[in-house]
C-alpha atoms as a PDB file:
ATOM      1  CA  UNK A   1     139.777 113.697 -20.001  1.00  0.00           C
ATOM      2  CA  UNK A   2     142.040 116.693 -20.651  1.00  0.00           C
ATOM      3  CA  UNK A   3     145.505 117.024 -19.233  1.00  0.00           C
ATOM      4  CA  UNK A   4     147.246 120.287 -18.360  1.00  0.00           C
ATOM      5  CA  UNK A   5     150.648 118.636 -18.768  1.00  0.00           C
ATOM      6  CA  UNK A   6     152.708 119.706 -21.762  1.00  0.00           C
ATOM      7  CA  UNK A   7     154.727 117.340 -23.883  1.00  0.00           C
ATOM      8  CA  UNK A   8     158.252 117.045 -22.343  1.00  0.00           C
ATOM      9  CA  UNK A   9     159.820 118.649 -25.432  1.00  0.00           C
ATOM     10  CA  UNK A  10     157.518 121.652 -25.097  1.00  0.00           C
ATOM     11  CA  UNK A  11     158.532 122.095 -21.468  1.00  0.00           C
ATOM     12  CA  UNK A  12     162.163 122.665 -22.478  1.00  0.00           C
ATOM     13  CA  UNK A  13     161.515 124.537 -25.737  1.00  0.00           C
ATOM     14  CA  UNK A  14     163.079 127.978 -26.100  1.00  0.00           C
ATOM     15  CA  UNK A  15     160.671 130.847 -25.722  1.00  0.00           C
ATOM     16  CA  UNK A  16     160.254 133.585 -28.319  1.00  0.00           C
ATOM     17  CA  UNK A  17     162.876 136.265 -27.727  1.00  0.00           C
ATOM     18  CA  UNK A  18     165.099 134.005 -25.603  1.00  0.00           C
ATOM     19  CA  UNK A  19     168.867 134.421 -25.954  1.00  0.00           C
ATOM     20  CA  UNK A  20     170.420 131.509 -27.831  1.00  0.00           C
ATOM     21  CA  UNK A  21     173.369 129.769 -26.173  1.00  0.00           C
ATOM     22  CA  UNK A  22     176.684 130.045 -28.003  1.00  0.00           C
ATOM     23  CA  UNK A  23     177.458 127.075 -30.228  1.00  0.00           C
ATOM     24  CA  UNK A  24     179.751 125.993 -33.043  1.00  0.00           C
ATOM     25  CA  UNK A  25     178.542 123.861 -35.958  1.00  0.00           C
ATOM     26  CA  UNK A  26     180.091 122.747 -39.239  1.00  0.00           C
ATOM     27  CA  UNK A  27     178.738 123.860 -42.612  1.00  0.00           C
ATOM     28  CA  UNK A  28     178.380 121.668 -45.714  1.00  0.00           C
ATOM     29  CA  UNK A  29     182.147 122.034 -46.319  1.00  0.00           C
ATOM     30  CA  UNK A  30     182.974 121.024 -42.727  1.00  0.00           C
ATOM     31  CA  UNK A  31     184.109 124.577 -41.817  1.00  0.00           C
ATOM     32  CA  UNK A  32     183.235 125.494 -38.235  1.00  0.00           C
ATOM     33  CA  UNK A  33     180.953 128.479 -37.601  1.00  0.00           C
ATOM     34  CA  UNK A  34     180.540 129.935 -34.127  1.00  0.00           C
ATOM     35  CA  UNK A  35     177.413 131.938 -33.306  1.00  0.00           C
ATOM     36  CA  UNK A  36     179.158 134.573 -31.162  1.00  0.00           C
ATOM     37  CA  UNK A  37     181.946 135.082 -33.728  1.00  0.00           C
ATOM     38  CA  UNK A  38     179.479 135.449 -36.598  1.00  0.00           C
ATOM     39  CA  UNK A  39     177.478 138.038 -34.632  1.00  0.00           C
ATOM     40  CA  UNK A  40     180.656 139.987 -33.723  1.00  0.00           C
ATOM     41  CA  UNK A  41     181.508 140.068 -37.439  1.00  0.00           C
ATOM     42  CA  UNK A  42     178.132 141.706 -38.071  1.00  0.00           C
ATOM     43  CA  UNK A  43     176.756 138.818 -40.089  1.00  0.00           C
ATOM     44  CA  UNK A  44     172.984 138.378 -40.076  1.00  0.00           C
ATOM     45  CA  UNK A  45     171.954 135.122 -38.404  1.00  0.00           C
ATOM     46  CA  UNK A  46     168.771 133.119 -38.794  1.00  0.00           C
ATOM     47  CA  UNK A  47     168.280 130.169 -36.469  1.00  0.00           C
ATOM     48  CA  UNK A  48     165.877 127.574 -37.791  1.00  0.00           C
ATOM     49  CA  UNK A  49     164.673 124.708 -35.621  1.00  0.00           C
ATOM     50  CA  UNK A  50     162.953 121.616 -36.994  1.00  0.00           C
ATOM     51  CA  UNK A  51     160.777 119.291 -34.989  1.00  0.00           C
ATOM     52  CA  UNK A  52     162.434 116.050 -34.029  1.00  0.00           C
ATOM     53  CA  UNK A  53     159.311 113.974 -34.556  1.00  0.00           C
ATOM     54  CA  UNK A  54     156.344 114.339 -36.869  1.00  0.00           C
END
């Protein structure tokens, strides 16, 4: 029996081309980096998302 329901995590997953919300995260040296500030500074940004379960 097939189900048309998606996994709950897929229902809330960002879509390709969606605008990322602004966030601030620390780097390996505990320095804060803010997405909007990095973009304003003209820095290239790559967002990489890993699955939470395998």
